[in-house]
Amino acid sequence: MRGDGSERDILEDARLVKQVRELRRLVPAGREPCGLGELFQDAATYIEGLQVQVKVMRMLLDRIADE
């Protein structure tokens, strides 16, 4: 049962706090104070931006390779 204050619950909470802290560190906008929902949205937006950058770089490399 969750929330009974057991050692397992405390360890799971500590792991979650650590993971959220790490996500805040990795996401550029994540250092600003915000709730988890906003942090997850910022992370998703950041990942989408990275995917676009990779796609553009691949297109540029393909173009250079064709020359």
N, C-alpha and C. Protein backbone atom coordinates (compact mmCIF):
# COMPACT_ATOMS: atom_id res chain seq x y z
N MET A 1 0.84 -1.18 0.00
CA MET A 1 0.00 0.00 0.00
C MET A 1 0.88 1.24 0.00
N ARG A 2 0.62 2.15 -0.90
CA ARG A 2 1.41 3.36 -1.05
C ARG A 2 0.99 4.39 -0.01
N GLY A 3 1.99 5.13 0.49
CA GLY A 3 1.68 6.22 1.39
C GLY A 3 1.65 5.85 2.85
N ASP A 4 2.08 4.66 3.19
CA ASP A 4 2.07 4.28 4.61
C ASP A 4 3.35 4.69 5.32
N GLY A 5 4.25 5.37 4.61
CA GLY A 5 5.48 5.86 5.23
C GLY A 5 6.55 4.80 5.39
N SER A 6 6.40 3.69 4.67
CA SER A 6 7.39 2.62 4.78
C SER A 6 8.71 3.07 4.18
N GLU A 7 9.74 2.33 4.50
CA GLU A 7 11.07 2.64 3.97
C GLU A 7 11.06 2.60 2.44
N ARG A 8 10.33 1.64 1.89
CA ARG A 8 10.24 1.53 0.43
C ARG A 8 9.61 2.79 -0.17
N ASP A 9 8.54 3.28 0.43
CA ASP A 9 7.90 4.51 -0.06
C ASP A 9 8.86 5.68 0.00
N ILE A 10 9.60 5.78 1.08
CA ILE A 10 10.55 6.88 1.24
C ILE A 10 11.63 6.80 0.17
N LEU A 11 12.14 5.59 -0.09
CA LEU A 11 13.17 5.42 -1.12
C LEU A 11 12.62 5.74 -2.51
N GLU A 12 11.38 5.33 -2.79
CA GLU A 12 10.77 5.63 -4.08
C GLU A 12 10.58 7.14 -4.24
N ASP A 13 10.15 7.81 -3.17
CA ASP A 13 9.99 9.26 -3.22
C ASP A 13 11.34 9.94 -3.44
N ALA A 14 12.38 9.46 -2.79
CA ALA A 14 13.71 10.04 -2.95
C ALA A 14 14.20 9.86 -4.38
N ARG A 15 13.93 8.69 -4.97
CA ARG A 15 14.31 8.44 -6.36
C ARG A 15 13.56 9.38 -7.31
N LEU A 16 12.28 9.57 -7.05
CA LEU A 16 11.48 10.46 -7.89
C LEU A 16 11.99 11.90 -7.80
N VAL A 17 12.30 12.35 -6.60
CA VAL A 17 12.83 13.70 -6.41
C VAL A 17 14.14 13.85 -7.17
N LYS A 18 14.99 12.83 -7.10
CA LYS A 18 16.27 12.88 -7.80
C LYS A 18 16.06 12.93 -9.32
N GLN A 19 15.12 12.15 -9.83
CA GLN A 19 14.86 12.13 -11.26
C GLN A 19 14.29 13.46 -11.74
N VAL A 20 13.40 14.05 -10.96
CA VAL A 20 12.84 15.36 -11.33
C VAL A 20 13.93 16.42 -11.30
N ARG A 21 14.79 16.37 -10.31
CA ARG A 21 15.90 17.32 -10.22
C ARG A 21 16.80 17.18 -11.46
N GLU A 22 17.08 15.95 -11.87
CA GLU A 22 17.93 15.71 -13.04
C GLU A 22 17.24 16.22 -14.31
N LEU A 23 15.94 16.00 -14.42
CA LEU A 23 15.21 16.50 -15.59
C LEU A 23 15.26 18.03 -15.63
N ARG A 24 15.09 18.67 -14.48
CA ARG A 24 15.17 20.13 -14.42
C ARG A 24 16.56 20.61 -14.87
N ARG A 25 17.59 19.85 -14.55
CA ARG A 25 18.95 20.23 -14.94
C ARG A 25 19.15 20.08 -16.45
N LEU A 26 18.54 19.06 -17.05
CA LEU A 26 18.74 18.78 -18.46
C LEU A 26 17.93 19.69 -19.39
N VAL A 27 16.76 20.09 -18.95
CA VAL A 27 15.88 20.91 -19.79
C VAL A 27 16.23 22.38 -19.56
N PRO A 28 16.59 23.10 -20.64
CA PRO A 28 17.00 24.50 -20.46
C PRO A 28 16.01 25.35 -19.67
N ALA A 29 14.73 25.22 -19.95
CA ALA A 29 13.73 26.01 -19.23
C ALA A 29 13.37 25.38 -17.89
N GLY A 30 13.91 24.20 -17.61
CA GLY A 30 13.54 23.46 -16.41
C GLY A 30 14.04 24.05 -15.11
N ARG A 31 14.97 24.98 -15.18
CA ARG A 31 15.51 25.57 -13.95
C ARG A 31 14.57 26.61 -13.38
N GLU A 32 13.63 27.08 -14.20
CA GLU A 32 12.65 28.04 -13.71
C GLU A 32 11.65 27.30 -12.82
N PRO A 33 11.20 27.95 -11.76
CA PRO A 33 10.22 27.29 -10.90
C PRO A 33 8.93 27.00 -11.66
N CYS A 34 8.50 25.75 -11.66
CA CYS A 34 7.25 25.38 -12.31
C CYS A 34 6.80 24.04 -11.75
N GLY A 35 5.58 23.69 -12.05
CA GLY A 35 5.04 22.41 -11.62
C GLY A 35 5.53 21.28 -12.51
N LEU A 36 5.21 20.05 -12.12
CA LEU A 36 5.66 18.90 -12.89
C LEU A 36 5.06 18.88 -14.29
N GLY A 37 3.79 19.23 -14.40
CA GLY A 37 3.15 19.24 -15.72
C GLY A 37 3.86 20.16 -16.69
N GLU A 38 4.19 21.35 -16.21
CA GLU A 38 4.89 22.32 -17.05
C GLU A 38 6.31 21.84 -17.35
N LEU A 39 6.96 21.22 -16.38
CA LEU A 39 8.31 20.68 -16.60
C LEU A 39 8.27 19.60 -17.68
N PHE A 40 7.29 18.70 -17.61
CA PHE A 40 7.18 17.64 -18.62
C PHE A 40 6.87 18.23 -19.99
N GLN A 41 6.05 19.27 -20.04
CA GLN A 41 5.75 19.92 -21.32
C GLN A 41 7.01 20.58 -21.88
N ASP A 42 7.77 21.26 -21.02
CA ASP A 42 9.04 21.87 -21.45
C ASP A 42 10.00 20.81 -21.97
N ALA A 43 10.05 19.66 -21.29
CA ALA A 43 10.94 18.58 -21.72
C ALA A 43 10.51 18.05 -23.08
N ALA A 44 9.21 17.87 -23.28
CA ALA A 44 8.71 17.38 -24.56
C ALA A 44 9.03 18.37 -25.68
N THR A 45 8.83 19.65 -25.43
CA THR A 45 9.13 20.68 -26.42
C THR A 45 10.62 20.70 -26.74
N TYR A 46 11.45 20.56 -25.72
CA TYR A 46 12.90 20.54 -25.91
C TYR A 46 13.31 19.33 -26.76
N ILE A 47 12.74 18.17 -26.48
CA ILE A 47 13.05 16.96 -27.24
C ILE A 47 12.63 17.13 -28.70
N GLU A 48 11.44 17.70 -28.91
CA GLU A 48 10.99 17.94 -30.29
C GLU A 48 11.97 18.85 -31.02
N GLY A 49 12.45 19.88 -30.35
CA GLY A 49 13.42 20.79 -30.95
C GLY A 49 14.72 20.08 -31.30
N LEU A 50 15.17 19.22 -30.41
CA LEU A 50 16.39 18.45 -30.69
C LEU A 50 16.19 17.53 -31.89
N GLN A 51 15.01 16.92 -31.99
CA GLN A 51 14.73 16.05 -33.13
C GLN A 51 14.77 16.83 -34.44
N VAL A 52 14.23 18.03 -34.44
CA VAL A 52 14.26 18.88 -35.64
C VAL A 52 15.71 19.22 -36.00
N GLN A 53 16.52 19.55 -35.00
CA GLN A 53 17.92 19.87 -35.26
C GLN A 53 18.65 18.69 -35.89
N VAL A 54 18.40 17.49 -35.38
CA VAL A 54 19.04 16.30 -35.93
C VAL A 54 18.60 16.09 -37.38
N LYS A 55 17.31 16.27 -37.64
CA LYS A 55 16.79 16.10 -39.00
C LYS A 55 17.46 17.09 -39.96
N VAL A 56 17.59 18.34 -39.55
CA VAL A 56 18.23 19.36 -40.39
C VAL A 56 19.70 19.01 -40.63
N MET A 57 20.39 18.58 -39.59
CA MET A 57 21.81 18.22 -39.75
C MET A 57 21.97 17.04 -40.70
N ARG A 58 21.06 16.07 -40.61
CA ARG A 58 21.13 14.93 -41.53
C ARG A 58 20.90 15.38 -42.97
N MET A 59 19.94 16.28 -43.16
CA MET A 59 19.68 16.79 -44.50
C MET A 59 20.90 17.52 -45.05
N LEU A 60 21.54 18.33 -44.21
CA LEU A 60 22.75 19.05 -44.63
C LEU A 60 23.88 18.09 -44.99
N LEU A 61 24.05 17.06 -44.16
CA LEU A 61 25.10 16.08 -44.45
C LEU A 61 24.82 15.33 -45.75
N ASP A 62 23.56 14.98 -45.98
CA ASP A 62 23.20 14.31 -47.23
C ASP A 62 23.51 15.20 -48.42
N ARG A 63 23.23 16.47 -48.28
CA ARG A 63 23.49 17.42 -49.37
C ARG A 63 24.98 17.56 -49.64
N ILE A 64 25.75 17.65 -48.57
CA ILE A 64 27.21 17.76 -48.71
C ILE A 64 27.77 16.50 -49.34
N ALA A 65 27.26 15.35 -48.93
CA ALA A 65 27.74 14.08 -49.46
C ALA A 65 27.43 13.93 -50.94
N ASP A 66 26.33 14.53 -51.39
CA ASP A 66 25.94 14.45 -52.80
C ASP A 66 26.78 15.34 -53.70
N GLU A 67 27.47 16.32 -53.14
CA GLU A 67 28.26 17.26 -53.95
C GLU A 67 29.56 16.65 -54.42
